[in-house]
C-alpha atoms as a PDB file:
ATOM      1  CA  MET A   1     139.956  57.684 -31.970  1.00  0.00           C
ATOM      2  CA  LYS A   2     136.194  57.936 -32.322  1.00  0.00           C
ATOM      3  CA  ASN A   3     136.313  55.805 -35.464  1.00  0.00           C
ATOM      4  CA  SER A   4     138.384  53.145 -33.661  1.00  0.00           C
ATOM      5  CA  SER A   5     135.923  53.021 -30.757  1.00  0.00           C
ATOM      6  CA  TRP A   6     132.968  52.779 -33.118  1.00  0.00           C
ATOM      7  CA  LEU A   7     134.647  49.943 -35.070  1.00  0.00           C
ATOM      8  CA  LEU A   8     135.392  48.025 -31.858  1.00  0.00           C
ATOM      9  CA  MET A   9     131.771  48.320 -30.732  1.00  0.00           C
ATOM     10  CA  LEU A  10     130.585  47.111 -34.130  1.00  0.00           C
ATOM     11  CA  VAL A  11     132.850  44.038 -33.993  1.00  0.00           C
ATOM     12  CA  ILE A  12     131.644  43.183 -30.468  1.00  0.00           C
ATOM     13  CA  THR A  13     128.011  43.534 -31.558  1.00  0.00           C
ATOM     14  CA  LEU A  14     128.526  41.313 -34.602  1.00  0.00           C
ATOM     15  CA  LEU A  15     130.318  38.678 -32.549  1.00  0.00           C
ATOM     16  CA  GLY A  16     127.530  38.672 -29.986  1.00  0.00           C
ATOM     17  CA  THR A  17     124.924  38.279 -32.729  1.00  0.00           C
ATOM     18  CA  ALA A  18     126.863  35.391 -34.257  1.00  0.00           C
ATOM     19  CA  CYS A  19     127.167  33.626 -30.904  1.00  0.00           C
ATOM     20  CA  SER A  20     123.422  33.840 -30.328  1.00  0.00           C
ATOM     21  CA  LYS A  21     122.528  32.087 -33.580  1.00  0.00           C
ATOM     22  CA  PRO A  22     121.128  28.576 -33.093  1.00  0.00           C
ATOM     23  CA  THR A  23     123.078  25.521 -34.219  1.00  0.00           C
ATOM     24  CA  PRO A  24     121.851  24.473 -37.685  1.00  0.00           C
ATOM     25  CA  THR A  25     119.470  21.521 -37.807  1.00  0.00           C
ATOM     26  CA  THR A  26     118.016  19.451 -40.639  1.00  0.00           C
ATOM     27  CA  LEU A  27     114.312  19.948 -41.223  1.00  0.00           C
ATOM     28  CA  THR A  28     112.589  16.552 -41.022  1.00  0.00           C
ATOM     29  CA  THR A  29     109.102  15.103 -40.812  1.00  0.00           C
ATOM     30  CA  ALA A  30     110.591  11.921 -39.273  1.00  0.00           C
ATOM     31  CA  GLY A  31     109.176   9.569 -41.852  1.00  0.00           C
ATOM     32  CA  SER A  32     105.684   8.602 -42.952  1.00  0.00           C
ATOM     33  CA  GLU A  33     102.394   9.527 -41.293  1.00  0.00           C
ATOM     34  CA  THR A  34     101.110   6.162 -40.091  1.00  0.00           C
ATOM     35  CA  LEU A  35      98.044   6.977 -38.000  1.00  0.00           C
ATOM     36  CA  ALA A  36      98.168   5.567 -34.466  1.00  0.00           C
ATOM     37  CA  GLU A  37      95.466   3.017 -33.673  1.00  0.00           C
ATOM     38  CA  LYS A  38      92.764   4.562 -31.492  1.00  0.00           C
ATOM     39  CA  GLY A  39      92.777   3.147 -27.962  1.00  0.00           C
ATOM     40  CA  LYS A  40      96.271   1.684 -28.321  1.00  0.00           C
ATOM     41  CA  THR A  41      99.194   2.635 -26.084  1.00  0.00           C
ATOM     42  CA  TYR A  42     102.650   2.693 -27.682  1.00  0.00           C
ATOM     43  CA  ARG A  43     105.715   2.334 -25.424  1.00  0.00           C
ATOM     44  CA  TRP A  44     109.451   2.928 -25.737  1.00  0.00           C
ATOM     45  CA  SER A  45     111.410   1.692 -22.692  1.00  0.00           C
ATOM     46  CA  PHE A  46     114.934   1.625 -24.269  1.00  0.00           C
ATOM     47  CA  ASP A  47     115.740  -1.586 -22.381  1.00  0.00           C
ATOM     48  CA  ASP A  48     116.190  -3.610 -25.575  1.00  0.00           C
ATOM     49  CA  ALA A  49     118.091  -0.880 -27.414  1.00  0.00           C
ATOM     50  CA  ALA A  50     121.850  -1.080 -27.903  1.00  0.00           C
ATOM     51  CA  THR A  51     123.742   1.131 -25.447  1.00  0.00           C
ATOM     52  CA  GLY A  52     125.843   3.947 -26.861  1.00  0.00           C
ATOM     53  CA  GLN A  53     123.531   4.444 -29.826  1.00  0.00           C
ATOM     54  CA  THR A  54     120.406   6.348 -30.834  1.00  0.00           C
ATOM     55  CA  PRO A  55     117.430   3.919 -30.988  1.00  0.00           C
ATOM     56  CA  ASN A  56     116.314   2.953 -34.495  1.00  0.00           C
ATOM     57  CA  ALA A  57     112.753   4.094 -33.827  1.00  0.00           C
ATOM     58  CA  PHE A  58     113.881   7.727 -33.438  1.00  0.00           C
ATOM     59  CA  VAL A  59     115.235  10.521 -35.624  1.00  0.00           C
ATOM     60  CA  SER A  60     117.653  12.931 -33.944  1.00  0.00           C
ATOM     61  CA  VAL A  61     117.202  16.559 -35.004  1.00  0.00           C
ATOM     62  CA  LEU A  62     119.882  17.973 -32.707  1.00  0.00           C
ATOM     63  CA  GLY A  63     121.839  16.583 -29.777  1.00  0.00           C
ATOM     64  CA  GLN A  64     123.805  13.564 -28.646  1.00  0.00           C
ATOM     65  CA  TRP A  65     120.986  11.168 -27.797  1.00  0.00           C
ATOM     66  CA  LYS A  66     122.430   7.907 -26.478  1.00  0.00           C
ATOM     67  CA  VAL A  67     120.989   4.861 -24.749  1.00  0.00           C
ATOM     68  CA  GLN A  68     122.896   4.246 -21.516  1.00  0.00           C
ATOM     69  CA  ALA A  69     122.744   1.832 -18.610  1.00  0.00           C
ATOM     70  CA  GLU A  70     121.086   3.333 -15.537  1.00  0.00           C
ATOM     71  CA  PRO A  71     122.041   1.699 -12.205  1.00  0.00           C
ATOM     72  CA  THR A  72     119.506   3.762 -10.224  1.00  0.00           C
ATOM     73  CA  LEU A  73     116.631   2.004 -12.027  1.00  0.00           C
ATOM     74  CA  PRO A  74     117.149  -1.756 -11.595  1.00  0.00           C
ATOM     75  CA  SER A  75     113.695  -2.560 -12.991  1.00  0.00           C
ATOM     76  CA  THR A  76     114.408  -0.617 -16.214  1.00  0.00           C
ATOM     77  CA  PRO A  77     118.158  -0.819 -16.783  1.00  0.00           C
ATOM     78  CA  ASN A  78     118.450   1.507 -19.795  1.00  0.00           C
ATOM     79  CA  VAL A  79     117.544   5.145 -20.352  1.00  0.00           C
ATOM     80  CA  ILE A  80     118.074   7.580 -23.196  1.00  0.00           C
ATOM     81  CA  ARG A  81     120.146  10.628 -22.300  1.00  0.00           C
ATOM     82  CA  GLN A  82     120.858  13.877 -24.133  1.00  0.00           C
ATOM     83  CA  LEU A  83     124.594  14.393 -23.504  1.00  0.00           C
ATOM     84  CA  GLY A  84     125.498  17.290 -25.784  1.00  0.00           C
ATOM     85  CA  SER A  85     126.107  20.863 -24.644  1.00  0.00           C
ATOM     86  CA  PHE A  86     124.725  23.563 -26.917  1.00  0.00           C
ATOM     87  CA  GLY A  87     124.087  27.290 -26.790  1.00  0.00           C
ATOM     88  CA  ASP A  88     120.974  29.340 -26.195  1.00  0.00           C
ATOM     89  CA  PRO A  89     118.632  29.242 -28.196  1.00  0.00           C
ATOM     90  CA  ASP A  90     119.450  25.643 -29.230  1.00  0.00           C
ATOM     91  CA  PHE A  91     116.831  22.939 -28.648  1.00  0.00           C
ATOM     92  CA  PRO A  92     118.119  19.353 -28.804  1.00  0.00           C
ATOM     93  CA  ARG A  93     115.256  17.120 -29.863  1.00  0.00           C
ATOM     94  CA  ILE A  94     114.508  13.631 -31.084  1.00  0.00           C
ATOM     95  CA  ILE A  95     111.353  12.386 -32.828  1.00  0.00           C
ATOM     96  CA  VAL A  96     109.591   9.007 -32.933  1.00  0.00           C
ATOM     97  CA  LYS A  97     109.567   7.883 -36.574  1.00  0.00           C
ATOM     98  CA  ASP A  98     106.457   7.457 -38.716  1.00  0.00           C
ATOM     99  CA  LEU A  99     103.737   7.350 -36.023  1.00  0.00           C
ATOM    100  CA  THR A 100     101.139  10.152 -36.091  1.00  0.00           C
ATOM    101  CA  PHE A 101      98.564  11.002 -33.406  1.00  0.00           C
ATOM    102  CA  THR A 102      95.515  13.269 -33.307  1.00  0.00           C
ATOM    103  CA  ASP A 103      93.990  13.217 -29.802  1.00  0.00           C
ATOM    104  CA  LEU A 104      96.446  11.631 -27.398  1.00  0.00           C
ATOM    105  CA  THR A 105      98.068  11.411 -23.998  1.00  0.00           C
ATOM    106  CA  VAL A 106     101.869  11.285 -24.045  1.00  0.00           C
ATOM    107  CA  ARG A 107     103.958  10.681 -20.933  1.00  0.00           C
ATOM    108  CA  VAL A 108     107.611  10.216 -19.995  1.00  0.00           C
ATOM    109  CA  ARG A 109     109.817   9.893 -16.946  1.00  0.00           C
ATOM    110  CA  CYS A 110     112.673  12.361 -16.935  1.00  0.00           C
ATOM    111  CA  ARG A 111     115.564  13.462 -14.739  1.00  0.00           C
ATOM    112  CA  PRO A 112     117.206  16.860 -15.314  1.00  0.00           C
ATOM    113  CA  GLU A 113     120.836  16.244 -14.348  1.00  0.00           C
ATOM    114  CA  LYS A 114     122.981  19.263 -15.110  1.00  0.00           C
ATOM    115  CA  GLY A 115     123.290  22.475 -17.091  1.00  0.00           C
ATOM    116  CA  SER A 116     124.299  26.062 -16.375  1.00  0.00           C
ATOM    117  CA  THR A 117     121.935  27.698 -18.881  1.00  0.00           C
ATOM    118  CA  ASP A 118     119.029  25.257 -18.496  1.00  0.00           C
ATOM    119  CA  GLU A 119     118.115  21.961 -16.859  1.00  0.00           C
ATOM    120  CA  ALA A 120     115.115  21.062 -18.951  1.00  0.00           C
ATOM    121  CA  CYS A 121     113.100  18.002 -19.880  1.00  0.00           C
ATOM    122  CA  GLY A 122     110.440  18.318 -22.521  1.00  0.00           C
ATOM    123  CA  LEU A 123     107.812  16.476 -24.549  1.00  0.00           C
ATOM    124  CA  MET A 124     106.894  17.350 -28.119  1.00  0.00           C
ATOM    125  CA  PHE A 125     103.517  16.373 -29.540  1.00  0.00           C
ATOM    126  CA  ARG A 126     101.381  17.000 -32.632  1.00  0.00           C
ATOM    127  CA  LEU A 127     104.657  17.572 -34.421  1.00  0.00           C
ATOM    128  CA  LYS A 128     104.238  18.445 -38.109  1.00  0.00           C
ATOM    129  CA  ASP A 129     107.998  18.580 -38.613  1.00  0.00           C
ATOM    130  CA  SER A 130     111.077  19.437 -36.575  1.00  0.00           C
ATOM    131  CA  ASP A 131     110.261  23.173 -36.701  1.00  0.00           C
ATOM    132  CA  ASN A 132     106.485  22.989 -36.099  1.00  0.00           C
ATOM    133  CA  TYR A 133     105.114  21.376 -32.937  1.00  0.00           C
ATOM    134  CA  TYR A 134     103.791  21.734 -29.390  1.00  0.00           C
ATOM    135  CA  VAL A 135     106.231  21.299 -26.525  1.00  0.00           C
ATOM    136  CA  THR A 136     105.750  21.251 -22.783  1.00  0.00           C
ATOM    137  CA  ARG A 137     108.855  21.381 -20.682  1.00  0.00           C
ATOM    138  CA  ALA A 138     109.965  21.514 -17.034  1.00  0.00           C
ATOM    139  CA  ASN A 139     113.046  23.482 -15.978  1.00  0.00           C
ATOM    140  CA  ALA A 140     114.898  22.850 -12.718  1.00  0.00           C
ATOM    141  CA  LEU A 141     116.779  26.168 -12.846  1.00  0.00           C
ATOM    142  CA  GLU A 142     113.612  28.218 -13.348  1.00  0.00           C
ATOM    143  CA  ALA A 143     111.278  26.083 -11.181  1.00  0.00           C
ATOM    144  CA  ASN A 144     108.437  26.028 -13.682  1.00  0.00           C
ATOM    145  CA  VAL A 145     106.571  24.007 -16.288  1.00  0.00           C
ATOM    146  CA  ARG A 146     105.652  25.742 -19.521  1.00  0.00           C
ATOM    147  CA  LEU A 147     103.668  25.070 -22.680  1.00  0.00           C
ATOM    148  CA  TYR A 148     104.640  26.423 -26.113  1.00  0.00           C
ATOM    149  CA  HIS A 149     103.805  26.153 -29.751  1.00  0.00           C
ATOM    150  CA  VAL A 150     106.693  26.342 -32.190  1.00  0.00           C
ATOM    151  CA  VAL A 151     105.827  27.649 -35.659  1.00  0.00           C
ATOM    152  CA  ALA A 152     108.549  27.791 -38.315  1.00  0.00           C
ATOM    153  CA  GLY A 153     111.098  27.475 -35.510  1.00  0.00           C
ATOM    154  CA  ASP A 154     109.630  30.400 -33.542  1.00  0.00           C
ATOM    155  CA  ARG A 155     108.799  29.281 -29.979  1.00  0.00           C
ATOM    156  CA  ARG A 156     105.887  31.087 -28.284  1.00  0.00           C
ATOM    157  CA  GLN A 157     104.749  30.381 -24.715  1.00  0.00           C
ATOM    158  CA  PHE A 158     101.009  30.355 -24.081  1.00  0.00           C
ATOM    159  CA  ALA A 159     100.743  28.779 -20.606  1.00  0.00           C
ATOM    160  CA  SER A 160     102.978  28.342 -17.548  1.00  0.00           C
ATOM    161  CA  ALA A 161     102.987  27.127 -13.933  1.00  0.00           C
ATOM    162  CA  ASP A 162     105.547  27.884 -11.227  1.00  0.00           C
ATOM    163  CA  LEU A 163     106.383  24.810  -9.141  1.00  0.00           C
ATOM    164  CA  PRO A 164     109.354  22.801  -7.803  1.00  0.00           C
ATOM    165  CA  VAL A 165     111.420  20.894 -10.363  1.00  0.00           C
ATOM    166  CA  THR A 166     114.123  18.964  -8.537  1.00  0.00           C
ATOM    167  CA  SER A 167     117.439  18.464 -10.293  1.00  0.00           C
ATOM    168  CA  GLY A 168     118.814  14.928 -10.058  1.00  0.00           C
ATOM    169  CA  ALA A 169     115.411  13.399  -9.261  1.00  0.00           C
ATOM    170  CA  TRP A 170     113.062  11.371 -11.453  1.00  0.00           C
ATOM    171  CA  HIS A 171     109.774  13.038 -12.406  1.00  0.00           C
ATOM    172  CA  THR A 172     106.884  12.374 -14.771  1.00  0.00           C
ATOM    173  CA  LEU A 173     105.781  14.825 -17.448  1.00  0.00           C
ATOM    174  CA  GLU A 174     102.519  14.274 -19.320  1.00  0.00           C
ATOM    175  CA  ALA A 175     100.493  16.117 -21.946  1.00  0.00           C
ATOM    176  CA  SER A 176      96.958  15.365 -23.153  1.00  0.00           C
ATOM    177  CA  ALA A 177      95.523  16.992 -26.268  1.00  0.00           C
ATOM    178  CA  HIS A 178      91.870  16.625 -27.254  1.00  0.00           C
ATOM    179  CA  GLY A 179      90.795  18.938 -30.028  1.00  0.00           C
ATOM    180  CA  SER A 180      92.064  22.378 -29.009  1.00  0.00           C
ATOM    181  CA  SER A 181      92.156  21.525 -25.277  1.00  0.00           C
ATOM    182  CA  ILE A 182      95.590  20.768 -23.788  1.00  0.00           C
ATOM    183  CA  VAL A 183      96.308  19.577 -20.240  1.00  0.00           C
ATOM    184  CA  VAL A 184      99.792  19.172 -18.751  1.00  0.00           C
ATOM    185  CA  ARG A 185     100.555  17.077 -15.662  1.00  0.00           C
ATOM    186  CA  TRP A 186     103.739  17.124 -13.609  1.00  0.00           C
ATOM    187  CA  ASP A 187     104.308  14.225 -11.209  1.00  0.00           C
ATOM    188  CA  ASP A 188     100.680  13.188 -11.837  1.00  0.00           C
ATOM    189  CA  ALA A 189      99.214  16.556 -10.769  1.00  0.00           C
ATOM    190  CA  GLN A 190      97.466  18.786 -13.311  1.00  0.00           C
ATOM    191  CA  VAL A 191      99.475  22.014 -13.565  1.00  0.00           C
ATOM    192  CA  ILE A 192      98.343  23.565 -16.865  1.00  0.00           C
ATOM    193  CA  LYS A 193      95.064  23.671 -18.763  1.00  0.00           C
ATOM    194  CA  ALA A 194      95.012  25.704 -21.969  1.00  0.00           C
ATOM    195  CA  THR A 195      93.363  26.075 -25.354  1.00  0.00           C
ATOM    196  CA  ASP A 196      95.226  26.321 -28.653  1.00  0.00           C
ATOM    197  CA  ALA A 197      94.376  25.172 -32.175  1.00  0.00           C
ATOM    198  CA  THR A 198      97.722  25.642 -33.939  1.00  0.00           C
ATOM    199  CA  PHE A 199      98.263  21.906 -34.553  1.00  0.00           C
ATOM    200  CA  GLN A 200      95.672  19.150 -34.848  1.00  0.00           C
ATOM    201  CA  ARG A 201      97.830  16.073 -35.431  1.00  0.00           C
ATOM    202  CA  GLY A 202     101.426  14.958 -35.632  1.00  0.00           C
ATOM    203  CA  LYS A 203     104.287  12.974 -34.156  1.00  0.00           C
ATOM    204  CA  ILE A 204     105.794  12.916 -30.658  1.00  0.00           C
ATOM    205  CA  GLY A 205     109.316  13.326 -29.348  1.00  0.00           C
ATOM    206  CA  LEU A 206     111.705  14.360 -26.586  1.00  0.00           C
ATOM    207  CA  TRP A 207     113.164  17.843 -26.141  1.00  0.00           C
ATOM    208  CA  THR A 208     115.759  19.698 -24.079  1.00  0.00           C
ATOM    209  CA  LYS A 209     117.347  23.144 -24.226  1.00  0.00           C
ATOM    210  CA  ALA A 210     120.888  24.489 -24.548  1.00  0.00           C
ATOM    211  CA  ASP A 211     123.346  22.685 -22.227  1.00  0.00           C
ATOM    212  CA  SER A 212     120.760  20.531 -20.436  1.00  0.00           C
ATOM    213  CA  VAL A 213     121.920  16.986 -19.756  1.00  0.00           C
ATOM    214  CA  THR A 214     118.699  15.054 -19.198  1.00  0.00           C
ATOM    215  CA  ALA A 215     117.779  11.369 -18.892  1.00  0.00           C
ATOM    216  CA  PHE A 216     114.452  10.013 -20.167  1.00  0.00           C
ATOM    217  CA  ASP A 217     112.750   6.660 -19.653  1.00  0.00           C
ATOM    218  CA  ASP A 218     109.417   4.911 -20.296  1.00  0.00           C
ATOM    219  CA  LEU A 219     108.043   7.129 -23.042  1.00  0.00           C
ATOM    220  CA  GLU A 220     104.471   6.168 -23.873  1.00  0.00           C
ATOM    221  CA  ALA A 221     101.623   7.593 -25.941  1.00  0.00           C
ATOM    222  CA  THR A 222      97.971   6.578 -26.141  1.00  0.00           C
ATOM    223  CA  ALA A 223      95.851   7.422 -29.169  1.00  0.00           C
ATOM    224  CA  GLU A 224      92.438   8.606 -27.955  1.00  0.00           C
END
């Protein structure tokens, strides 16, 4: 009887461990390292992209990233939305191809729409590859904005701010990196100021977590 109980506990433990493993992704650098022109602002509005598809300027690492019509934004009719539902600790993400920044300000409008594990919208920057990057993200279920570095797929938080993040509403998320100084703004208010020197240059991209369904619009980045 004891052996049967021990075996059952072992099976449950192994199943739980298996369920917690992240969904496999393909490691990618998202193309060449064309250095962004200093002083230039690059924009991705998705309005000219074909609906139902992932835009050609992006590489999807994980997730169902689709351009969709957005009737709530008549001035910008299309958005890109992450529609897939994944487990925890999965991180759906999509990277802008080829373009590399050093010092920069990157900004996006985002609307966390649903999710039972997370309702997150995030920005990646100074991305070396799909497993090495900075990310700042807002979470409607946790009511906070956080800043992480991800090294070899290991995500470590080094700054955070507790504040309202309204589900179903449009917000702006912005990160500025100059040398080792990083500033994060939420709805145009500075909420985080931190120092970290893990990454000095890299690409940008969009990020969510687990079962978050999130819409993004008007991504822009300025090389500084």
